[in-house]
Amino acid sequence: MFFILSKTLNYLTQPLVIICIGFILSWALRNKKWKSRLSIFSLILLLIFSNDFITNEVVRLWELPATPLNDIDKTYSIGILLTGVTKGNMTPDDRVYFQRGADRVTHTLQLYRMGIVKTILVSGGSGSLLERSRQEADEIAEALQLMGVSKEDIRIENESRNTHESALAVKTMLQDSVSSSECLLITSAFHMRRSRACFKKVAWGSDTFTTDFLHHERKFTPDVLFIPRVDSLLIWNIMIREWAGMIAYKVSGYI
């Protein structure tokens, strides 16, 4: 039930959904005062959510910073790679289809190639309401092998449906063989706060490595300050979904 409710909340809190509802209500209502208020409110929301400068400043405050590779002074037995970067049920199914967030995989590969992590544990089944033909962890493991990672250096946890379940499953898999200090948690920068909190909640607090950044270098050019951008709306979708997830996890006692 929690899984379905969280997904429903994600859809209802998307900025474009809220803006569309506002415009629809402003058209449908008979009260002229409320029609005007809703129209203005929806327009202001549209301008705010599509403004690149505002969006970037908010994301910069939320995302945890990158760790320079030269600053990593230890070797980790396990790199815990959280899923959420492939497209499910695509055809033909003889390959892996990546979407935004592929940095999680490529940067993990770089850590492996540099010898910073010895083994990669890919954690995550399907976070979709619809059933997938292949679990995401299996797809990513397949891609990593194509990239040259030895099959013996890849472990798979493909049953979890969210970050909380991943944390529980990973701890169960690893607690008898390694300590949390020997693990490096790898996920997107916008997702790291929730991921880190979930793993700490189950007493498996590991070092972290952020990837897949939504923010960019601060700019004051006219296109950033004034020109509406569709990308900003997409980033707000991701951020609001993450914040809603944080609230839901807090209420449920997952963090």
C-alpha atoms as a PDB file:
ATOM      1  CA  MET A   1       0.000   0.000   0.000  1.00  0.00           C
ATOM      2  CA  PHE A   2       2.830   2.403   0.891  1.00  0.00           C
ATOM      3  CA  PHE A   3       4.430   1.725  -2.496  1.00  0.00           C
ATOM      4  CA  ILE A   4       1.233   2.612  -4.415  1.00  0.00           C
ATOM      5  CA  LEU A   5       0.476   5.672  -2.280  1.00  0.00           C
ATOM      6  CA  SER A   6       4.001   7.043  -2.684  1.00  0.00           C
ATOM      7  CA  LYS A   7       3.828   6.675  -6.467  1.00  0.00           C
ATOM      8  CA  THR A   8       0.407   8.386  -6.565  1.00  0.00           C
ATOM      9  CA  LEU A   9       1.731  11.259  -4.450  1.00  0.00           C
ATOM     10  CA  ASN A  10       4.651  11.636  -6.855  1.00  0.00           C
ATOM     11  CA  TYR A  11       2.302  12.209  -9.793  1.00  0.00           C
ATOM     12  CA  LEU A  12       0.016  14.634  -7.957  1.00  0.00           C
ATOM     13  CA  THR A  13       2.903  16.830  -6.794  1.00  0.00           C
ATOM     14  CA  GLN A  14       4.461  17.333 -10.216  1.00  0.00           C
ATOM     15  CA  PRO A  15       4.651  21.072 -11.019  1.00  0.00           C
ATOM     16  CA  LEU A  16       3.103  20.764 -14.468  1.00  0.00           C
ATOM     17  CA  VAL A  17       0.179  18.786 -13.026  1.00  0.00           C
ATOM     18  CA  ILE A  18      -0.443  21.485 -10.398  1.00  0.00           C
ATOM     19  CA  ILE A  19      -0.191  24.252 -12.998  1.00  0.00           C
ATOM     20  CA  CYS A  20      -2.589  22.480 -15.370  1.00  0.00           C
ATOM     21  CA  ILE A  21      -5.084  21.908 -12.563  1.00  0.00           C
ATOM     22  CA  GLY A  22      -4.886  25.601 -11.717  1.00  0.00           C
ATOM     23  CA  PHE A  23      -5.567  26.678 -15.297  1.00  0.00           C
ATOM     24  CA  ILE A  24      -8.399  24.157 -15.670  1.00  0.00           C
ATOM     25  CA  LEU A  25     -10.053  25.373 -12.473  1.00  0.00           C
ATOM     26  CA  SER A  26      -9.654  29.017 -13.539  1.00  0.00           C
ATOM     27  CA  TRP A  27     -11.483  28.154 -16.739  1.00  0.00           C
ATOM     28  CA  ALA A  28     -14.191  26.063 -15.051  1.00  0.00           C
ATOM     29  CA  LEU A  29     -15.069  28.290 -12.083  1.00  0.00           C
ATOM     30  CA  ARG A  30     -17.817  30.858 -12.430  1.00  0.00           C
ATOM     31  CA  ASN A  31     -16.588  33.194  -9.714  1.00  0.00           C
ATOM     32  CA  LYS A  32     -14.652  35.925 -11.560  1.00  0.00           C
ATOM     33  CA  LYS A  33     -12.461  36.773  -8.580  1.00  0.00           C
ATOM     34  CA  TRP A  34     -11.292  33.182  -8.157  1.00  0.00           C
ATOM     35  CA  LYS A  35     -10.910  32.708 -11.898  1.00  0.00           C
ATOM     36  CA  SER A  36      -8.522  35.656 -11.967  1.00  0.00           C
ATOM     37  CA  ARG A  37      -6.627  34.555  -8.856  1.00  0.00           C
ATOM     38  CA  LEU A  38      -6.114  31.023 -10.122  1.00  0.00           C
ATOM     39  CA  SER A  39      -4.987  32.234 -13.546  1.00  0.00           C
ATOM     40  CA  ILE A  40      -2.409  34.580 -12.019  1.00  0.00           C
ATOM     41  CA  PHE A  41      -1.293  31.943  -9.495  1.00  0.00           C
ATOM     42  CA  SER A  42      -0.836  29.307 -12.220  1.00  0.00           C
ATOM     43  CA  LEU A  43       1.091  31.740 -14.426  1.00  0.00           C
ATOM     44  CA  ILE A  44       3.417  32.707 -11.566  1.00  0.00           C
ATOM     45  CA  LEU A  45       4.066  29.025 -10.807  1.00  0.00           C
ATOM     46  CA  LEU A  46       4.834  28.394 -14.462  1.00  0.00           C
ATOM     47  CA  LEU A  47       7.347  31.254 -14.560  1.00  0.00           C
ATOM     48  CA  ILE A  48       9.027  30.143 -11.326  1.00  0.00           C
ATOM     49  CA  PHE A  49       9.256  26.462 -12.183  1.00  0.00           C
ATOM     50  CA  SER A  50      10.576  27.151 -15.687  1.00  0.00           C
ATOM     51  CA  ASN A  51      13.241  29.640 -14.565  1.00  0.00           C
ATOM     52  CA  ASP A  52      16.686  28.079 -14.892  1.00  0.00           C
ATOM     53  CA  PHE A  53      18.398  30.347 -12.364  1.00  0.00           C
ATOM     54  CA  ILE A  54      15.883  29.705  -9.583  1.00  0.00           C
ATOM     55  CA  THR A  55      15.848  25.981 -10.305  1.00  0.00           C
ATOM     56  CA  ASN A  56      19.630  25.728 -10.309  1.00  0.00           C
ATOM     57  CA  GLU A  57      20.014  27.622  -7.020  1.00  0.00           C
ATOM     58  CA  VAL A  58      17.519  25.346  -5.269  1.00  0.00           C
ATOM     59  CA  VAL A  59      19.181  22.194  -6.600  1.00  0.00           C
ATOM     60  CA  ARG A  60      22.665  23.446  -5.639  1.00  0.00           C
ATOM     61  CA  LEU A  61      21.478  23.763  -2.033  1.00  0.00           C
ATOM     62  CA  TRP A  62      20.035  20.241  -2.004  1.00  0.00           C
ATOM     63  CA  GLU A  63      22.539  18.083  -3.862  1.00  0.00           C
ATOM     64  CA  LEU A  64      25.489  16.739  -1.928  1.00  0.00           C
ATOM     65  CA  PRO A  65      28.823  17.749  -3.481  1.00  0.00           C
ATOM     66  CA  ALA A  66      31.029  15.543  -5.623  1.00  0.00           C
ATOM     67  CA  THR A  67      34.024  13.772  -4.131  1.00  0.00           C
ATOM     68  CA  PRO A  68      37.233  14.317  -6.128  1.00  0.00           C
ATOM     69  CA  LEU A  69      38.729  10.946  -6.963  1.00  0.00           C
ATOM     70  CA  ASN A  70      42.135  12.083  -5.730  1.00  0.00           C
ATOM     71  CA  ASP A  71      40.621  12.686  -2.284  1.00  0.00           C
ATOM     72  CA  ILE A  72      39.650   9.033  -1.844  1.00  0.00           C
ATOM     73  CA  ASP A  73      42.455   7.512   0.211  1.00  0.00           C
ATOM     74  CA  LYS A  74      41.119   3.994   0.831  1.00  0.00           C
ATOM     75  CA  THR A  75      39.972   0.902  -1.027  1.00  0.00           C
ATOM     76  CA  TYR A  76      36.426  -0.413  -0.562  1.00  0.00           C
ATOM     77  CA  SER A  77      35.479  -4.055  -0.686  1.00  0.00           C
ATOM     78  CA  ILE A  78      31.997  -3.241  -2.021  1.00  0.00           C
ATOM     79  CA  GLY A  79      30.605  -0.427  -4.124  1.00  0.00           C
ATOM     80  CA  ILE A  80      26.823  -0.355  -3.540  1.00  0.00           C
ATOM     81  CA  LEU A  81      25.268   0.890  -6.772  1.00  0.00           C
ATOM     82  CA  LEU A  82      21.596   1.851  -6.439  1.00  0.00           C
ATOM     83  CA  THR A  83      19.438   1.415  -9.523  1.00  0.00           C
ATOM     84  CA  GLY A  84      16.898   3.769 -11.101  1.00  0.00           C
ATOM     85  CA  VAL A  85      18.615   4.553 -14.406  1.00  0.00           C
ATOM     86  CA  THR A  86      17.238   2.155 -17.021  1.00  0.00           C
ATOM     87  CA  LYS A  87      14.028   2.028 -19.054  1.00  0.00           C
ATOM     88  CA  GLY A  88      11.991  -1.082 -18.448  1.00  0.00           C
ATOM     89  CA  ASN A  89      10.028  -3.153 -20.956  1.00  0.00           C
ATOM     90  CA  MET A  90      11.715  -1.679 -24.029  1.00  0.00           C
ATOM     91  CA  THR A  91      11.927  -3.754 -27.195  1.00  0.00           C
ATOM     92  CA  PRO A  92      13.868  -5.427 -28.590  1.00  0.00           C
ATOM     93  CA  ASP A  93      14.965  -6.695 -25.169  1.00  0.00           C
ATOM     94  CA  ASP A  94      18.397  -7.816 -26.344  1.00  0.00           C
ATOM     95  CA  ARG A  95      20.120  -4.731 -24.913  1.00  0.00           C
ATOM     96  CA  VAL A  96      20.016  -2.339 -21.938  1.00  0.00           C
ATOM     97  CA  TYR A  97      18.294   1.044 -22.335  1.00  0.00           C
ATOM     98  CA  PHE A  98      19.675   3.805 -20.125  1.00  0.00           C
ATOM     99  CA  GLN A  99      17.907   7.033 -19.245  1.00  0.00           C
ATOM    100  CA  ARG A 100      19.117  10.030 -17.231  1.00  0.00           C
ATOM    101  CA  GLY A 101      21.285   8.892 -14.354  1.00  0.00           C
ATOM    102  CA  ALA A 102      23.642   6.649 -16.305  1.00  0.00           C
ATOM    103  CA  ASP A 103      26.475   8.416 -14.438  1.00  0.00           C
ATOM    104  CA  ARG A 104      25.670   6.108 -11.552  1.00  0.00           C
ATOM    105  CA  VAL A 105      26.886   3.210 -13.684  1.00  0.00           C
ATOM    106  CA  THR A 106      29.758   4.872 -15.554  1.00  0.00           C
ATOM    107  CA  HIS A 107      31.225   6.479 -12.437  1.00  0.00           C
ATOM    108  CA  THR A 108      30.946   3.177 -10.573  1.00  0.00           C
ATOM    109  CA  LEU A 109      32.807   1.582 -13.459  1.00  0.00           C
ATOM    110  CA  GLN A 110      35.508   4.240 -13.126  1.00  0.00           C
ATOM    111  CA  LEU A 111      35.836   3.539  -9.397  1.00  0.00           C
ATOM    112  CA  TYR A 112      36.200  -0.161 -10.197  1.00  0.00           C
ATOM    113  CA  ARG A 113      38.782   0.445 -12.926  1.00  0.00           C
ATOM    114  CA  MET A 114      40.809   2.632 -10.577  1.00  0.00           C
ATOM    115  CA  GLY A 115      40.762  -0.086  -7.920  1.00  0.00           C
ATOM    116  CA  ILE A 116      38.822   2.047  -5.439  1.00  0.00           C
ATOM    117  CA  VAL A 117      36.049  -0.573  -5.237  1.00  0.00           C
ATOM    118  CA  LYS A 118      36.821  -4.270  -5.631  1.00  0.00           C
ATOM    119  CA  THR A 119      33.287  -5.598  -6.056  1.00  0.00           C
ATOM    120  CA  ILE A 120      30.100  -3.933  -7.315  1.00  0.00           C
ATOM    121  CA  LEU A 121      26.791  -4.759  -5.631  1.00  0.00           C
ATOM    122  CA  VAL A 122      23.898  -3.616  -7.840  1.00  0.00           C
ATOM    123  CA  SER A 123      20.785  -3.136  -5.731  1.00  0.00           C
ATOM    124  CA  GLY A 124      17.236  -2.639  -7.028  1.00  0.00           C
ATOM    125  CA  GLY A 125      14.451  -4.554  -8.693  1.00  0.00           C
ATOM    126  CA  SER A 126      11.668  -2.391 -10.097  1.00  0.00           C
ATOM    127  CA  GLY A 127      10.344   0.889  -8.743  1.00  0.00           C
ATOM    128  CA  SER A 128       7.547   0.934 -11.287  1.00  0.00           C
ATOM    129  CA  LEU A 129       3.872   0.208 -10.661  1.00  0.00           C
ATOM    130  CA  LEU A 130       3.961  -1.960 -13.784  1.00  0.00           C
ATOM    131  CA  GLU A 131       5.786  -5.276 -13.826  1.00  0.00           C
ATOM    132  CA  ARG A 132       9.102  -5.320 -15.691  1.00  0.00           C
ATOM    133  CA  SER A 133      10.205  -8.119 -17.972  1.00  0.00           C
ATOM    134  CA  ARG A 134      13.698  -7.914 -16.441  1.00  0.00           C
ATOM    135  CA  GLN A 135      14.750  -6.559 -13.064  1.00  0.00           C
ATOM    136  CA  GLU A 136      16.888  -3.455 -13.266  1.00  0.00           C
ATOM    137  CA  ALA A 137      19.783  -4.841 -11.233  1.00  0.00           C
ATOM    138  CA  ASP A 138      20.056  -7.697 -13.734  1.00  0.00           C
ATOM    139  CA  GLU A 139      20.119  -5.249 -16.641  1.00  0.00           C
ATOM    140  CA  ILE A 140      22.838  -3.114 -15.082  1.00  0.00           C
ATOM    141  CA  ALA A 141      24.902  -6.162 -14.175  1.00  0.00           C
ATOM    142  CA  GLU A 142      24.681  -7.232 -17.815  1.00  0.00           C
ATOM    143  CA  ALA A 143      25.817  -3.769 -18.952  1.00  0.00           C
ATOM    144  CA  LEU A 144      28.733  -3.786 -16.502  1.00  0.00           C
ATOM    145  CA  GLN A 145      29.931  -7.106 -17.889  1.00  0.00           C
ATOM    146  CA  LEU A 146      29.782  -5.670 -21.412  1.00  0.00           C
ATOM    147  CA  MET A 147      31.927  -2.798 -20.109  1.00  0.00           C
ATOM    148  CA  GLY A 148      34.555  -5.268 -18.950  1.00  0.00           C
ATOM    149  CA  VAL A 149      33.715  -5.883 -15.293  1.00  0.00           C
ATOM    150  CA  SER A 150      34.372  -9.485 -14.323  1.00  0.00           C
ATOM    151  CA  LYS A 151      31.231 -11.469 -13.543  1.00  0.00           C
ATOM    152  CA  GLU A 152      32.878 -12.605 -10.308  1.00  0.00           C
ATOM    153  CA  ASP A 153      33.151  -8.968  -9.206  1.00  0.00           C
ATOM    154  CA  ILE A 154      29.418  -8.275  -9.560  1.00  0.00           C
ATOM    155  CA  ARG A 155      26.786  -9.084  -6.957  1.00  0.00           C
ATOM    156  CA  ILE A 156      23.053  -8.591  -7.497  1.00  0.00           C
ATOM    157  CA  GLU A 157      20.139  -7.706  -5.242  1.00  0.00           C
ATOM    158  CA  ASN A 158      17.085  -7.548  -7.502  1.00  0.00           C
ATOM    159  CA  GLU A 159      14.067  -7.813  -5.194  1.00  0.00           C
ATOM    160  CA  SER A 160      13.854  -4.374  -3.565  1.00  0.00           C
ATOM    161  CA  ARG A 161      11.364  -1.821  -4.917  1.00  0.00           C
ATOM    162  CA  ASN A 162      12.579   1.313  -3.152  1.00  0.00           C
ATOM    163  CA  THR A 163      15.543   2.735  -1.256  1.00  0.00           C
ATOM    164  CA  HIS A 164      14.332   1.522   2.128  1.00  0.00           C
ATOM    165  CA  GLU A 165      14.041  -2.044   0.879  1.00  0.00           C
ATOM    166  CA  SER A 166      17.455  -1.760  -0.785  1.00  0.00           C
ATOM    167  CA  ALA A 167      19.061  -0.754   2.502  1.00  0.00           C
ATOM    168  CA  LEU A 168      17.512  -3.718   4.316  1.00  0.00           C
ATOM    169  CA  ALA A 169      18.413  -6.178   1.555  1.00  0.00           C
ATOM    170  CA  VAL A 170      21.995  -4.946   1.219  1.00  0.00           C
ATOM    171  CA  LYS A 171      22.610  -5.181   4.966  1.00  0.00           C
ATOM    172  CA  THR A 172      21.215  -8.727   5.012  1.00  0.00           C
ATOM    173  CA  MET A 173      23.489  -9.735   2.115  1.00  0.00           C
ATOM    174  CA  LEU A 174      26.681  -8.194   3.468  1.00  0.00           C
ATOM    175  CA  GLN A 175      26.600  -8.165   7.271  1.00  0.00           C
ATOM    176  CA  ASP A 176      28.175 -11.605   7.634  1.00  0.00           C
ATOM    177  CA  SER A 177      31.086 -10.917   5.274  1.00  0.00           C
ATOM    178  CA  VAL A 178      32.063  -7.229   5.455  1.00  0.00           C
ATOM    179  CA  SER A 179      31.511  -4.182   7.647  1.00  0.00           C
ATOM    180  CA  SER A 180      29.681  -1.033   6.567  1.00  0.00           C
ATOM    181  CA  SER A 181      32.992   0.873   6.676  1.00  0.00           C
ATOM    182  CA  GLU A 182      34.216  -1.297   3.797  1.00  0.00           C
ATOM    183  CA  CYS A 183      31.312  -0.197   1.592  1.00  0.00           C
ATOM    184  CA  LEU A 184      30.843   2.840  -0.628  1.00  0.00           C
ATOM    185  CA  LEU A 185      27.264   3.936  -1.379  1.00  0.00           C
ATOM    186  CA  ILE A 186      26.848   5.252  -4.927  1.00  0.00           C
ATOM    187  CA  THR A 187      23.790   7.099  -6.248  1.00  0.00           C
ATOM    188  CA  SER A 188      22.639  10.390  -7.779  1.00  0.00           C
ATOM    189  CA  ALA A 189      23.407  13.604  -5.910  1.00  0.00           C
ATOM    190  CA  PHE A 190      19.717  14.530  -5.536  1.00  0.00           C
ATOM    191  CA  HIS A 191      18.965  11.054  -4.134  1.00  0.00           C
ATOM    192  CA  MET A 192      21.913  10.724  -1.768  1.00  0.00           C
ATOM    193  CA  ARG A 193      20.344  12.421   1.268  1.00  0.00           C
ATOM    194  CA  ARG A 194      17.465   9.935   1.356  1.00  0.00           C
ATOM    195  CA  SER A 195      19.717   6.976   0.501  1.00  0.00           C
ATOM    196  CA  ARG A 196      22.246   7.819   3.195  1.00  0.00           C
ATOM    197  CA  ALA A 197      19.458   8.254   5.749  1.00  0.00           C
ATOM    198  CA  CYS A 198      17.905   4.891   4.828  1.00  0.00           C
ATOM    199  CA  PHE A 199      21.188   3.039   5.230  1.00  0.00           C
ATOM    200  CA  LYS A 200      21.931   4.770   8.526  1.00  0.00           C
ATOM    201  CA  LYS A 201      18.449   3.852   9.775  1.00  0.00           C
ATOM    202  CA  VAL A 202      19.210   0.142   9.297  1.00  0.00           C
ATOM    203  CA  ALA A 203      22.641   0.611  10.927  1.00  0.00           C
ATOM    204  CA  TRP A 204      24.613   0.290   7.700  1.00  0.00           C
ATOM    205  CA  GLY A 205      26.048   3.777   7.362  1.00  0.00           C
ATOM    206  CA  SER A 206      28.683   3.725   4.632  1.00  0.00           C
ATOM    207  CA  ASP A 207      30.846   6.322   2.955  1.00  0.00           C
ATOM    208  CA  THR A 208      29.108   7.964   0.007  1.00  0.00           C
ATOM    209  CA  PHE A 209      29.929   8.900  -3.584  1.00  0.00           C
ATOM    210  CA  THR A 210      27.541  11.201  -5.452  1.00  0.00           C
ATOM    211  CA  THR A 211      26.993  11.151  -9.214  1.00  0.00           C
ATOM    212  CA  ASP A 212      24.498  12.404 -11.810  1.00  0.00           C
ATOM    213  CA  PHE A 213      24.260  16.073 -10.840  1.00  0.00           C
ATOM    214  CA  LEU A 214      21.208  18.113 -11.825  1.00  0.00           C
ATOM    215  CA  HIS A 215      22.773  21.505 -11.095  1.00  0.00           C
ATOM    216  CA  HIS A 216      25.270  23.380 -13.248  1.00  0.00           C
ATOM    217  CA  GLU A 217      27.772  26.160 -12.699  1.00  0.00           C
ATOM    218  CA  ARG A 218      26.096  29.368 -11.527  1.00  0.00           C
ATOM    219  CA  LYS A 219      25.488  31.737 -14.448  1.00  0.00           C
ATOM    220  CA  PHE A 220      23.988  35.211 -14.765  1.00  0.00           C
ATOM    221  CA  THR A 221      23.394  35.266 -18.511  1.00  0.00           C
ATOM    222  CA  PRO A 222      20.038  36.461 -19.933  1.00  0.00           C
ATOM    223  CA  ASP A 223      18.993  32.979 -21.087  1.00  0.00           C
ATOM    224  CA  VAL A 224      19.468  31.601 -17.560  1.00  0.00           C
ATOM    225  CA  LEU A 225      17.861  34.545 -15.783  1.00  0.00           C
ATOM    226  CA  PHE A 226      14.860  35.233 -18.010  1.00  0.00           C
ATOM    227  CA  ILE A 227      14.163  32.595 -20.678  1.00  0.00           C
ATOM    228  CA  PRO A 228      11.779  29.800 -19.573  1.00  0.00           C
ATOM    229  CA  ARG A 229      13.209  26.301 -19.997  1.00  0.00           C
ATOM    230  CA  VAL A 230      11.426  22.963 -20.205  1.00  0.00           C
ATOM    231  CA  ASP A 231      14.428  21.302 -18.532  1.00  0.00           C
ATOM    232  CA  SER A 232      13.703  23.287 -15.382  1.00  0.00           C
ATOM    233  CA  LEU A 233      10.219  21.803 -15.154  1.00  0.00           C
ATOM    234  CA  LEU A 234      11.695  18.315 -15.485  1.00  0.00           C
ATOM    235  CA  ILE A 235      14.229  19.001 -12.739  1.00  0.00           C
ATOM    236  CA  TRP A 236      11.490  20.287 -10.428  1.00  0.00           C
ATOM    237  CA  ASN A 237       9.615  17.031 -11.057  1.00  0.00           C
ATOM    238  CA  ILE A 238      12.638  15.107  -9.817  1.00  0.00           C
ATOM    239  CA  MET A 239      13.219  17.370  -6.818  1.00  0.00           C
ATOM    240  CA  ILE A 240       9.605  17.471  -5.626  1.00  0.00           C
ATOM    241  CA  ARG A 241       9.347  13.705  -6.027  1.00  0.00           C
ATOM    242  CA  GLU A 242      12.470  13.351  -3.893  1.00  0.00           C
ATOM    243  CA  TRP A 243      11.159  15.717  -1.212  1.00  0.00           C
ATOM    244  CA  ALA A 244       7.819  13.911  -1.158  1.00  0.00           C
ATOM    245  CA  GLY A 245       9.753  10.675  -0.755  1.00  0.00           C
ATOM    246  CA  MET A 246      11.701  12.116   2.161  1.00  0.00           C
ATOM    247  CA  ILE A 247       8.479  13.142   3.892  1.00  0.00           C
ATOM    248  CA  ALA A 248       6.822   9.776   3.248  1.00  0.00           C
ATOM    249  CA  TYR A 249       9.901   7.911   4.510  1.00  0.00           C
ATOM    250  CA  LYS A 250      10.048  10.070   7.631  1.00  0.00           C
ATOM    251  CA  VAL A 251       6.381   9.479   8.410  1.00  0.00           C
ATOM    252  CA  SER A 252       6.823   5.734   7.836  1.00  0.00           C
ATOM    253  CA  GLY A 253       9.918   5.561  10.038  1.00  0.00           C
ATOM    254  CA  TYR A 254      12.241   4.573   7.207  1.00  0.00           C
ATOM    255  CA  ILE A 255      14.659   7.423   7.962  1.00  0.00           C
END
